[in-house]
């Protein structure tokens, strides 16, 4: 049984050379687990409800220490079960925390309110559901604890706490006693932390707590109790999408087995989109992605999703999955193949092609998989797969797969950028040589009037300056061989230009603000 509550005691020591022996208080006698000394002190008239400096009583310390005989003694002489310490913690909360149903039963029988709360609204039942001892939960329910009371910060219930901690037995008991199986948190929504982030969703049900954490036992208990397997949070993400976002591949497969809609995309993207995005997270800012749970591999889940009827060429209907780390790539209209190409996830790309993916489908702004595989829409240095030393062959293979599927090598997006401009951003020379050999236009200019050489030579961002001088050198060689000029104004980005500054670039504002 866990003991998480701690009591702060402040001791003041006298500095006199000679001090009279001090009487040990009733609280300290209990802390020392000296029941005979406690009995003697009580017989001598000690106040059973005397408090330590933090407001804790002897009864609370006895409960905290699971000292059942001591609790009995203190209750026999009339210890007040309703007193709380300075932090709002009472004896019954400590019993629930420890999972001690015997002591909890005695406290309830002695007059503890089964619906008492701590500051913030945490009920005894929430504490018991979190710690997970079934008999503690059962005891509270027998005494009339309300299973649908909510704490005051986010509107969470005991069932949500049981689900978040994978306490399947507690879930079953709560459901049997009328807990709202599909209750949702009611914390108000808030805006995103930055223009590049996605505002966190609200409205989490108990199932969402279990799914997010990868708890299969809790998920099974909730579904057996009648939870909606296609439950969604406020932005429309389904339980299946949430499981996939957290790399809980095995749990996602279990949801499919329990009837989850594999095609659900109320948030603007489906579980296949999410699986591809979660497989290879952006590490540019040093924040790791989720750790996978279970034994199932992400590729196996993708196969299962495709077998369950997901349209391999389904396009995102919102520019979502924005977590503040993923560049300014506007995903509106992106297919799963597009997302895989963006991070040069060759394994996923191959599976999607085998399933019938069309590698020519662009995003809403005309960006193709070939462009992003080559390097377009890379913002931070090294932010995507294929951007590190030793990954050049992977990038080349991703570009080949995109081009072999029929992509126009000189297609232009809404800014007039081509795949060759992407190489200027990524800086992989074997890709440069390959694209030129396949007919890429070395003289192509963006709508800003920049060549791929200009981008490779360097440009300023809000927080840094980035160049790919080795690629610039190779571009110069190729252009001279083709009889092209390399010193015109179009081959250098003006130093006054900030490529991603929202204050000066309307296209960046559009990429950030466009949602639907």
Protein backbone atom coordinates (compact mmCIF):
# COMPACT_ATOMS: atom_id res chain seq x y z
CA UNK A 1 0.00 0.00 0.00
CA UNK A 2 1.39 3.35 -1.01
CA UNK A 3 1.88 6.27 1.29
CA UNK A 4 2.09 9.53 -0.53
CA UNK A 5 0.92 12.11 2.00
CA UNK A 6 3.65 13.57 4.14
CA UNK A 7 3.29 15.84 7.13
CA UNK A 8 5.56 18.78 7.78
CA UNK A 9 6.57 19.10 11.40
CA UNK A 10 8.59 22.02 12.71
CA UNK A 11 10.74 21.48 15.73
CA UNK A 12 12.29 24.25 17.77
CA UNK A 13 15.27 23.24 19.89
CA UNK A 14 16.20 25.30 22.93
CA UNK A 15 19.77 26.45 23.27
CA UNK A 16 19.96 26.61 27.06
CA UNK A 17 22.75 24.59 28.63
CA UNK A 18 20.33 23.06 31.14
CA UNK A 19 16.73 22.31 30.16
CA UNK A 20 13.98 20.60 32.03
CA UNK A 21 12.81 17.27 30.58
CA UNK A 22 10.06 17.89 28.04
CA UNK A 23 6.80 15.98 27.91
CA UNK A 24 6.36 14.01 24.72
CA UNK A 25 3.07 14.98 23.09
CA UNK A 26 0.37 12.54 22.05
CA UNK A 27 1.17 13.02 18.34
CA UNK A 28 4.82 12.09 18.83
CA UNK A 29 3.90 9.06 20.89
CA UNK A 30 1.74 7.84 18.01
CA UNK A 31 4.47 8.55 15.50
CA UNK A 32 6.73 6.38 17.65
CA UNK A 33 4.10 3.63 17.49
CA UNK A 34 4.18 3.30 21.31
CA UNK A 35 0.60 2.23 22.01
CA UNK A 36 1.15 1.70 25.75
CA UNK A 37 2.63 5.15 26.17
CA UNK A 38 -0.31 6.58 24.21
CA UNK A 39 -2.77 4.72 26.43
CA UNK A 40 -1.03 6.05 29.55
CA UNK A 41 -1.02 9.61 28.21
CA UNK A 42 -4.73 9.42 27.43
CA UNK A 43 -5.45 8.04 30.90
CA UNK A 44 -3.53 10.98 32.31
CA UNK A 45 -5.79 13.40 30.44
CA UNK A 46 -3.90 14.10 27.22
CA UNK A 47 -5.98 15.78 24.51
CA UNK A 48 -6.63 13.10 21.89
CA UNK A 49 -7.16 15.79 19.25
CA UNK A 50 -3.99 17.75 20.00
CA UNK A 51 -2.29 18.93 16.82
CA UNK A 52 1.27 19.07 15.60
CA UNK A 53 2.51 22.34 14.03
CA UNK A 54 1.16 21.30 10.61
CA UNK A 55 -2.29 20.64 12.05
CA UNK A 56 -2.06 16.85 11.97
CA UNK A 57 -3.62 14.90 14.83
CA UNK A 58 -2.62 11.66 16.49
CA UNK A 59 -5.41 9.89 14.61
CA UNK A 60 -4.09 11.09 11.26
CA UNK A 61 -0.58 9.86 12.09
CA UNK A 62 -1.94 6.50 13.18
CA UNK A 63 -3.88 6.16 9.93
CA UNK A 64 -0.89 7.29 7.90
CA UNK A 65 1.18 4.53 9.52
CA UNK A 66 -1.47 1.83 9.06
CA UNK A 67 -1.48 1.37 12.84
CA UNK A 68 -4.84 -0.37 13.17
CA UNK A 69 -4.71 -1.06 16.95
CA UNK A 70 -3.69 2.57 17.53
CA UNK A 71 -6.59 3.80 15.39
CA UNK A 72 -8.99 1.65 17.42
CA UNK A 73 -7.65 3.07 20.69
CA UNK A 74 -7.93 6.67 19.53
CA UNK A 75 -11.45 6.17 18.19
CA UNK A 76 -12.52 4.51 21.45
CA UNK A 77 -11.60 7.66 23.38
CA UNK A 78 -13.43 9.91 20.94
CA UNK A 79 -10.84 11.13 18.42
CA UNK A 80 -12.46 13.52 15.95
CA UNK A 81 -12.50 11.89 12.51
CA UNK A 82 -13.41 15.09 10.67
CA UNK A 83 -10.37 17.19 11.56
CA UNK A 84 -8.06 18.05 8.68
CA UNK A 85 -4.48 19.29 8.79
CA UNK A 86 -3.37 22.66 7.45
CA UNK A 87 -3.34 21.20 3.94
CA UNK A 88 -6.94 20.03 4.06
CA UNK A 89 -6.03 16.35 4.44
CA UNK A 90 -8.11 14.27 6.84
CA UNK A 91 -7.65 10.81 8.32
CA UNK A 92 -10.00 9.19 5.78
CA UNK A 93 -7.99 10.60 2.86
CA UNK A 94 -4.90 8.95 4.29
CA UNK A 95 -6.70 5.63 4.65
CA UNK A 96 -7.88 5.88 1.03
CA UNK A 97 -4.37 6.75 -0.10
CA UNK A 98 -2.97 3.72 1.70
CA UNK A 99 -5.73 1.49 0.37
CA UNK A 100 -6.59 0.37 3.90
CA UNK A 101 -10.25 -0.59 3.73
CA UNK A 102 -10.35 -1.78 7.37
CA UNK A 103 -9.26 1.56 8.81
CA UNK A 104 -11.40 3.43 6.28
CA UNK A 105 -14.46 1.44 7.33
CA UNK A 106 -13.84 2.33 11.00
CA UNK A 107 -13.49 6.02 10.14
CA UNK A 108 -16.68 6.03 8.09
CA UNK A 109 -18.53 4.21 10.85
CA UNK A 110 -17.27 6.85 13.29
CA UNK A 111 -18.85 9.66 11.28
CA UNK A 112 -16.56 10.55 8.39
CA UNK A 113 -18.49 12.03 5.48
CA UNK A 114 -17.95 9.60 2.54
CA UNK A 115 -18.19 12.59 0.18
CA UNK A 116 -15.69 14.82 1.96
CA UNK A 117 -13.20 16.58 -0.28
CA UNK A 118 -9.76 18.04 -0.06
CA UNK A 119 -8.95 21.51 -1.41
CA UNK A 120 -9.37 21.31 -5.17
CA UNK A 121 -12.30 18.95 -4.85
CA UNK A 122 -10.51 15.60 -4.61
CA UNK A 123 -12.94 13.16 -3.02
CA UNK A 124 -12.14 10.07 -0.97
CA UNK A 125 -13.42 8.00 -3.87
CA UNK A 126 -11.05 9.69 -6.31
CA UNK A 127 -8.11 8.95 -4.03
CA UNK A 128 -9.18 5.32 -3.66
CA UNK A 129 -9.78 4.96 -7.41
CA UNK A 130 -6.33 6.32 -8.12
CA UNK A 131 -4.54 4.02 -5.69
CA UNK A 132 -6.66 1.15 -6.96
CA UNK A 133 -7.40 -1.05 -3.93
CA UNK A 134 -10.85 -2.48 -4.84
CA UNK A 135 -12.05 -2.99 -1.26
CA UNK A 136 -11.34 0.64 -0.44
CA UNK A 137 -13.47 1.71 -3.41
CA UNK A 138 -16.20 -0.76 -2.46
CA UNK A 139 -16.25 0.47 1.15
CA UNK A 140 -16.77 4.07 0.10
CA UNK A 141 -19.51 3.15 -2.35
CA UNK A 142 -21.33 1.11 0.33
CA UNK A 143 -21.27 4.13 2.62
CA UNK A 144 -22.80 6.29 -0.09
CA UNK A 145 -19.89 7.98 -1.85
CA UNK A 146 -21.04 9.71 -5.04
CA UNK A 147 -19.14 8.20 -8.02
CA UNK A 148 -19.92 11.20 -10.22
CA UNK A 149 -18.56 14.01 -8.07
CA UNK A 150 -16.02 16.16 -9.94
CA UNK A 151 -12.89 17.89 -8.78
CA UNK A 152 -12.96 21.64 -9.31
CA UNK A 153 -10.02 22.24 -11.64
CA UNK A 154 -10.80 20.12 -14.70
CA UNK A 155 -14.02 18.39 -13.78
CA UNK A 156 -12.44 14.96 -13.49
CA UNK A 157 -14.26 12.07 -11.83
CA UNK A 158 -13.17 9.02 -9.83
CA UNK A 159 -13.66 6.85 -12.91
CA UNK A 160 -11.22 8.99 -14.87
CA UNK A 161 -8.65 8.59 -12.11
CA UNK A 162 -9.11 4.83 -12.08
CA UNK A 163 -8.74 4.73 -15.86
CA UNK A 164 -5.62 6.89 -15.87
CA UNK A 165 -3.98 4.47 -13.41
CA UNK A 166 -5.13 1.24 -15.10
CA UNK A 167 -7.20 0.15 -12.11
CA UNK A 168 -9.60 -2.18 -13.91
CA UNK A 169 -11.22 -3.59 -10.75
CA UNK A 170 -11.99 -0.07 -9.51
CA UNK A 171 -13.47 0.77 -12.91
CA UNK A 172 -15.80 -2.20 -12.72
CA UNK A 173 -16.97 -1.30 -9.20
CA UNK A 174 -17.55 2.34 -10.11
CA UNK A 175 -19.48 1.41 -13.23
CA UNK A 176 -21.65 -1.02 -11.26
CA UNK A 177 -22.51 1.76 -8.83
CA UNK A 178 -23.63 4.25 -11.44
CA UNK A 179 -20.49 6.07 -12.52
CA UNK A 180 -21.05 7.97 -15.79
CA UNK A 181 -19.00 5.87 -18.18
CA UNK A 182 -18.78 8.58 -20.86
CA UNK A 183 -18.44 11.65 -18.61
CA UNK A 184 -16.03 14.25 -19.98
CA UNK A 185 -13.72 16.75 -18.35
CA UNK A 186 -15.12 20.26 -18.42
CA UNK A 187 -12.00 22.37 -18.17
CA UNK A 188 -12.25 25.43 -20.42
CA UNK A 189 -10.35 25.36 -23.66
CA UNK A 190 -7.32 27.58 -24.00
CA UNK A 191 -5.40 28.99 -26.89
CA UNK A 192 -2.25 27.42 -28.24
CA UNK A 193 1.06 28.29 -26.61
CA UNK A 194 2.38 29.72 -29.88
CA UNK A 195 1.12 30.36 -33.41
CA UNK A 196 2.81 27.12 -34.45
CA UNK A 197 1.13 24.98 -31.80
CA UNK A 198 -2.24 23.28 -31.80
CA UNK A 199 -4.58 24.30 -28.98
CA UNK A 200 -4.85 21.31 -26.62
CA UNK A 201 -8.23 19.56 -26.78
CA UNK A 202 -10.57 19.22 -23.83
CA UNK A 203 -13.49 16.91 -23.05
CA UNK A 204 -11.59 13.76 -22.06
CA UNK A 205 -13.70 10.76 -21.10
CA UNK A 206 -12.46 7.92 -18.86
CA UNK A 207 -11.73 5.95 -22.02
CA UNK A 208 -9.48 8.73 -23.30
CA UNK A 209 -7.47 8.67 -20.07
CA UNK A 210 -6.92 4.92 -20.44
CA UNK A 211 -6.18 5.09 -24.17
CA UNK A 212 -3.74 7.98 -23.89
CA UNK A 213 -1.75 6.08 -21.26
CA UNK A 214 -1.81 2.79 -23.18
CA UNK A 215 -3.73 0.88 -20.51
CA UNK A 216 -5.32 -2.12 -22.21
CA UNK A 217 -6.85 -3.57 -19.01
CA UNK A 218 -8.57 -0.29 -18.15
CA UNK A 219 -9.70 0.13 -21.76
CA UNK A 220 -11.21 -3.34 -21.77
CA UNK A 221 -13.01 -2.71 -18.47
CA UNK A 222 -14.47 0.55 -19.76
CA UNK A 223 -15.60 -0.94 -23.08
CA UNK A 224 -17.11 -3.92 -21.25
CA UNK A 225 -19.01 -1.43 -19.09
CA UNK A 226 -20.44 0.27 -22.18
CA UNK A 227 -18.01 3.06 -23.06
CA UNK A 228 -18.29 4.38 -26.61
CA UNK A 229 -15.31 3.04 -28.53
CA UNK A 230 -15.55 5.96 -30.97
CA UNK A 231 -15.61 8.60 -28.25
CA UNK A 232 -13.92 11.87 -29.24
CA UNK A 233 -12.29 14.81 -27.51
CA UNK A 234 -13.31 18.40 -28.20
CA UNK A 235 -11.39 18.76 -31.47
CA UNK A 236 -12.80 15.53 -32.89
CA UNK A 237 -9.88 13.17 -32.30
CA UNK A 238 -11.22 9.68 -31.69
CA UNK A 239 -9.92 7.21 -29.12
CA UNK A 240 -8.21 5.38 -31.99
CA UNK A 241 -6.41 8.54 -33.12
CA UNK A 242 -5.41 9.39 -29.53
CA UNK A 243 -3.99 5.88 -29.03
CA UNK A 244 -2.00 6.22 -32.26
CA UNK A 245 -0.78 9.71 -31.35
CA UNK A 246 0.73 8.24 -28.19
CA UNK A 247 2.39 5.29 -29.99
CA UNK A 248 0.10 2.82 -28.23
CA UNK A 249 0.04 0.58 -31.29
CA UNK A 250 -1.19 -2.57 -29.56
CA UNK A 251 -3.99 -0.70 -27.83
CA UNK A 252 -4.98 0.92 -31.13
CA UNK A 253 -5.22 -2.54 -32.67
CA UNK A 254 -7.36 -3.66 -29.73
CA UNK A 255 -9.72 -0.73 -30.33
CA UNK A 256 -10.07 -1.83 -33.94
CA UNK A 257 -10.89 -5.34 -32.73
CA UNK A 258 -13.56 -3.83 -30.48
CA UNK A 259 -15.19 -2.08 -33.41
CA UNK A 260 -13.51 1.33 -33.58
CA UNK A 261 -14.11 3.20 -36.83
CA UNK A 262 -10.78 3.08 -38.65
CA UNK A 263 -11.86 5.89 -40.98
CA UNK A 264 -12.87 8.36 -38.24
CA UNK A 265 -11.41 11.78 -39.05
CA UNK A 266 -13.56 14.35 -37.28
CA UNK A 267 -10.43 16.23 -36.21
CA UNK A 268 -9.35 16.54 -39.83
CA UNK A 269 -7.09 13.50 -39.96
CA UNK A 270 -7.47 9.78 -39.43
CA UNK A 271 -5.47 7.18 -37.52
CA UNK A 272 -3.36 6.35 -40.59
CA UNK A 273 -2.25 9.97 -40.90
CA UNK A 274 -1.51 9.96 -37.19
CA UNK A 275 0.42 6.69 -37.27
CA UNK A 276 2.75 8.04 -39.96
CA UNK A 277 3.28 11.28 -38.08
CA UNK A 278 3.97 9.52 -34.76
CA UNK A 279 6.40 7.02 -36.27
CA UNK A 280 9.03 9.67 -36.91
CA UNK A 281 8.66 12.69 -34.68
CA UNK A 282 10.42 15.98 -35.15
CA UNK A 283 13.45 16.16 -32.88
CA UNK A 284 14.69 19.61 -33.85
CA UNK A 285 13.94 21.13 -30.44
CA UNK A 286 15.25 18.15 -28.49
CA UNK A 287 11.88 16.93 -27.23
CA UNK A 288 11.51 13.16 -27.60
CA UNK A 289 8.40 11.59 -29.03
CA UNK A 290 6.18 9.12 -27.17
CA UNK A 291 7.52 5.74 -26.11
CA UNK A 292 5.57 2.90 -27.68
CA UNK A 293 3.68 0.46 -25.50
CA UNK A 294 2.87 -3.18 -26.14
CA UNK A 295 4.54 -5.52 -28.60
CA UNK A 296 2.87 -4.54 -31.88
CA UNK A 297 4.93 -2.56 -34.40
CA UNK A 298 3.62 0.63 -35.99
CA UNK A 299 3.87 -0.86 -39.49
CA UNK A 300 1.68 -3.76 -38.40
CA UNK A 301 -0.89 -1.29 -37.10
CA UNK A 302 -0.79 0.60 -40.39
CA UNK A 303 -1.51 -2.66 -42.22
CA UNK A 304 -4.40 -3.34 -39.88
CA UNK A 305 -5.82 0.14 -40.47
CA UNK A 306 -5.62 -0.34 -44.23
CA UNK A 307 -7.27 -3.77 -43.94
CA UNK A 308 -10.00 -2.12 -41.85
CA UNK A 309 -10.91 0.16 -44.74
CA UNK A 310 -8.95 3.38 -44.34
CA UNK A 311 -8.63 5.18 -47.67
CA UNK A 312 -4.90 5.24 -48.32
CA UNK A 313 -5.33 8.49 -50.26
CA UNK A 314 -7.55 10.26 -47.73
CA UNK A 315 -6.50 13.89 -47.38
CA UNK A 316 -6.31 15.92 -44.20
CA UNK A 317 -9.16 18.42 -44.00
CA UNK A 318 -7.45 20.55 -41.35
CA UNK A 319 -3.91 21.81 -40.92
CA UNK A 320 -3.66 19.89 -37.68
CA UNK A 321 -1.20 17.92 -35.55
CA UNK A 322 0.58 21.17 -34.73
CA UNK A 323 2.57 20.83 -31.52
CA UNK A 324 4.86 23.84 -31.69
CA UNK A 325 7.74 21.76 -33.03
CA UNK A 326 6.71 20.87 -36.56
CA UNK A 327 7.86 23.63 -38.90
CA UNK A 328 5.57 25.69 -41.07
CA UNK A 329 4.54 22.91 -43.41
CA UNK A 330 0.83 23.36 -44.05
CA UNK A 331 -0.69 19.87 -43.90
CA UNK A 332 -4.09 20.85 -45.24
CA UNK A 333 -4.80 18.32 -47.99
CA UNK A 334 -1.90 16.02 -47.07
CA UNK A 335 -2.18 12.27 -47.56
CA UNK A 336 -0.45 9.71 -45.36
CA UNK A 337 2.10 9.28 -48.15
CA UNK A 338 2.78 13.02 -48.09
CA UNK A 339 3.44 12.90 -44.34
CA UNK A 340 5.78 9.93 -44.77
CA UNK A 341 7.65 11.66 -47.60
CA UNK A 342 8.08 14.77 -45.46
CA UNK A 343 10.19 12.79 -43.00
CA UNK A 344 11.63 10.40 -45.63
CA UNK A 345 10.07 7.41 -43.88
CA UNK A 346 10.86 4.97 -46.65
CA UNK A 347 9.39 1.95 -44.86
CA UNK A 348 6.02 3.66 -44.46
CA UNK A 349 6.13 5.06 -47.99
CA UNK A 350 6.72 1.58 -49.40
CA UNK A 351 3.80 0.09 -47.47
CA UNK A 352 1.49 2.89 -48.58
CA UNK A 353 2.50 2.50 -52.22
CA UNK A 354 1.79 -1.23 -52.01
CA UNK A 355 -1.66 -0.32 -50.69
CA UNK A 356 -2.33 1.97 -53.64
CA UNK A 357 -1.11 5.37 -52.46
CA UNK A 358 -0.95 8.04 -55.17
CA UNK A 359 2.41 9.81 -54.76
CA UNK A 360 1.32 12.73 -56.92
CA UNK A 361 -1.42 14.06 -54.61
CA UNK A 362 -0.35 17.51 -53.38
CA UNK A 363 -1.36 19.50 -50.33
CA UNK A 364 -3.89 22.30 -50.69
CA UNK A 365 -1.09 24.74 -51.52
CA UNK A 366 0.30 22.60 -54.34
CA UNK A 367 3.26 21.09 -52.50
CA UNK A 368 3.95 17.53 -53.68
CA UNK A 369 5.51 14.56 -51.85
CA UNK A 370 8.50 14.86 -54.17
CA UNK A 371 9.09 18.43 -53.04
CA UNK A 372 9.05 17.64 -49.32
CA UNK A 373 11.16 14.51 -49.76
CA UNK A 374 13.75 16.65 -51.51
CA UNK A 375 13.70 19.06 -48.57
CA UNK A 376 11.01 21.68 -49.07
CA UNK A 377 9.42 23.08 -45.90
CA UNK A 378 12.32 22.20 -43.67
CA UNK A 379 12.63 24.99 -41.15
CA UNK A 380 14.95 24.11 -38.26
CA UNK A 381 18.24 22.49 -39.27
CA UNK A 382 17.90 18.74 -38.85
CA UNK A 383 14.24 18.84 -38.00
CA UNK A 384 13.13 15.90 -40.12
CA UNK A 385 14.26 12.43 -41.04
CA UNK A 386 16.94 12.32 -43.69
CA UNK A 387 18.57 15.50 -42.42
CA UNK A 388 21.48 13.91 -40.63
CA UNK A 389 24.83 12.54 -41.82
CA UNK A 390 24.47 8.98 -43.04
CA UNK A 391 20.85 9.37 -44.12
CA UNK A 392 21.53 10.59 -47.65
CA UNK A 393 20.62 7.26 -49.26
CA UNK A 394 17.33 7.28 -47.40
CA UNK A 395 16.49 10.71 -48.80
CA UNK A 396 17.44 9.60 -52.30
CA UNK A 397 15.20 6.55 -52.03
CA UNK A 398 12.27 8.68 -50.81
CA UNK A 399 12.77 11.05 -53.76
CA UNK A 400 12.98 8.13 -56.21
CA UNK A 401 9.79 6.58 -54.85
CA UNK A 402 7.96 9.88 -55.23
CA UNK A 403 9.23 10.56 -58.71
CA UNK A 404 8.71 7.00 -59.99
CA UNK A 405 5.06 7.34 -59.08
CA UNK A 406 4.56 9.98 -61.73
CA UNK A 407 5.31 13.29 -59.99
CA UNK A 408 6.18 16.24 -62.21
CA UNK A 409 9.81 16.97 -61.39
CA UNK A 410 9.37 20.68 -62.19
CA UNK A 411 5.96 21.20 -60.60
CA UNK A 412 5.60 24.45 -58.64
CA UNK A 413 3.70 25.05 -55.43
CA UNK A 414 1.90 28.21 -54.36
CA UNK A 415 5.23 30.01 -53.83
CA UNK A 416 6.67 28.80 -57.09
CA UNK A 417 9.02 26.39 -55.35
CA UNK A 418 10.12 23.15 -56.99
CA UNK A 419 11.73 19.95 -55.75
CA UNK A 420 15.13 21.40 -56.66
CA UNK A 421 14.54 24.29 -54.25
CA UNK A 422 13.91 21.63 -51.63
CA UNK A 423 17.44 20.32 -52.15
CA UNK A 424 18.71 23.83 -51.44
CA UNK A 425 17.09 23.60 -48.01
CA UNK A 426 18.06 20.00 -47.17
CA UNK A 427 21.52 19.91 -48.71
CA UNK A 428 21.84 16.33 -49.98
CA UNK A 429 24.01 16.42 -53.09
CA UNK A 430 23.25 12.91 -54.36
CA UNK A 431 19.61 13.99 -54.56
CA UNK A 432 20.66 17.12 -56.43
CA UNK A 433 22.55 15.10 -59.01
CA UNK A 434 19.67 12.65 -59.36
CA UNK A 435 17.05 15.35 -59.92
CA UNK A 436 19.16 17.17 -62.48
CA UNK A 437 19.77 13.90 -64.30
CA UNK A 438 16.00 13.34 -64.36
CA UNK A 439 15.38 16.77 -65.89
CA UNK A 440 15.04 19.22 -62.99
CA UNK A 441 15.24 22.84 -64.17
CA UNK A 442 18.35 24.44 -62.66
CA UNK A 443 17.13 27.90 -63.63
CA UNK A 444 13.72 27.62 -61.94
CA UNK A 445 12.86 30.63 -59.76
CA UNK A 446 10.38 30.97 -56.93
CA UNK A 447 7.77 33.70 -56.92
CA UNK A 448 10.27 35.67 -54.82
CA UNK A 449 12.75 35.36 -57.70
CA UNK A 450 15.11 32.91 -55.94
CA UNK A 451 16.92 30.00 -57.51
CA UNK A 452 17.86 26.80 -55.69
CA UNK A 453 21.41 28.19 -55.60
CA UNK A 454 20.22 31.28 -53.73
CA UNK A 455 18.62 29.13 -51.04
CA UNK A 456 21.65 26.86 -50.71
CA UNK A 457 23.92 29.90 -50.34
CA UNK A 458 21.95 30.86 -47.25
CA UNK A 459 19.06 32.84 -45.87
CA UNK A 460 18.05 34.29 -42.54
CA UNK A 461 15.33 32.97 -40.26
CA UNK A 462 13.89 34.48 -37.09
CA UNK A 463 16.46 32.86 -34.81
CA UNK A 464 19.25 31.64 -37.06
CA UNK A 465 20.97 31.73 -40.45
CA UNK A 466 21.11 28.54 -42.50
CA UNK A 467 23.13 27.65 -45.59
CA UNK A 468 24.14 24.49 -47.46
CA UNK A 469 27.41 25.64 -48.97
CA UNK A 470 28.44 22.19 -50.19
CA UNK A 471 25.20 22.03 -52.16
CA UNK A 472 25.71 25.58 -53.39
CA UNK A 473 29.14 24.58 -54.71
CA UNK A 474 27.71 21.59 -56.55
CA UNK A 475 24.89 23.70 -58.00
CA UNK A 476 27.45 26.18 -59.31
CA UNK A 477 29.30 23.34 -61.06
CA UNK A 478 26.14 21.97 -62.65
CA UNK A 479 24.90 25.39 -63.71
CA UNK A 480 28.19 26.35 -65.30
CA UNK A 481 28.24 23.05 -67.16
CA UNK A 482 24.75 23.87 -68.44
CA UNK A 483 25.87 27.36 -69.47
CA UNK A 484 23.85 29.13 -66.80
CA UNK A 485 24.79 32.27 -64.92
CA UNK A 486 25.54 31.84 -61.19
CA UNK A 487 26.10 35.44 -60.09
CA UNK A 488 22.84 37.18 -60.88
CA UNK A 489 20.66 38.72 -58.18
CA UNK A 490 18.34 35.73 -58.38
CA UNK A 491 21.10 33.55 -56.98
CA UNK A 492 21.39 35.30 -53.63
CA UNK A 493 18.68 35.97 -51.05
CA UNK A 494 18.96 39.60 -49.91
CA UNK A 495 20.35 39.93 -46.40
CA UNK A 496 17.37 42.05 -45.42
CA UNK A 497 14.98 39.15 -46.01
CA UNK A 498 13.81 37.08 -43.05
CA UNK A 499 12.43 33.91 -44.55
CA UNK A 500 10.02 33.00 -41.77
CA UNK A 501 9.27 36.30 -40.04
CA UNK A 502 5.52 36.67 -39.67
CA UNK A 503 5.81 40.43 -39.66
CA UNK A 504 7.15 40.55 -43.19
CA UNK A 505 6.01 37.41 -44.98
CA UNK A 506 2.33 36.95 -45.77
CA UNK A 507 2.91 33.37 -46.95
CA UNK A 508 4.22 32.42 -43.51
CA UNK A 509 1.22 34.01 -41.83
CA UNK A 510 -1.02 31.92 -44.10
CA UNK A 511 0.89 28.74 -43.30
CA UNK A 512 0.48 29.39 -39.58
CA UNK A 513 -3.13 30.54 -39.52
CA UNK A 514 -4.72 28.36 -42.19
CA UNK A 515 -6.61 25.59 -40.41
CA UNK A 516 -9.43 24.37 -42.67
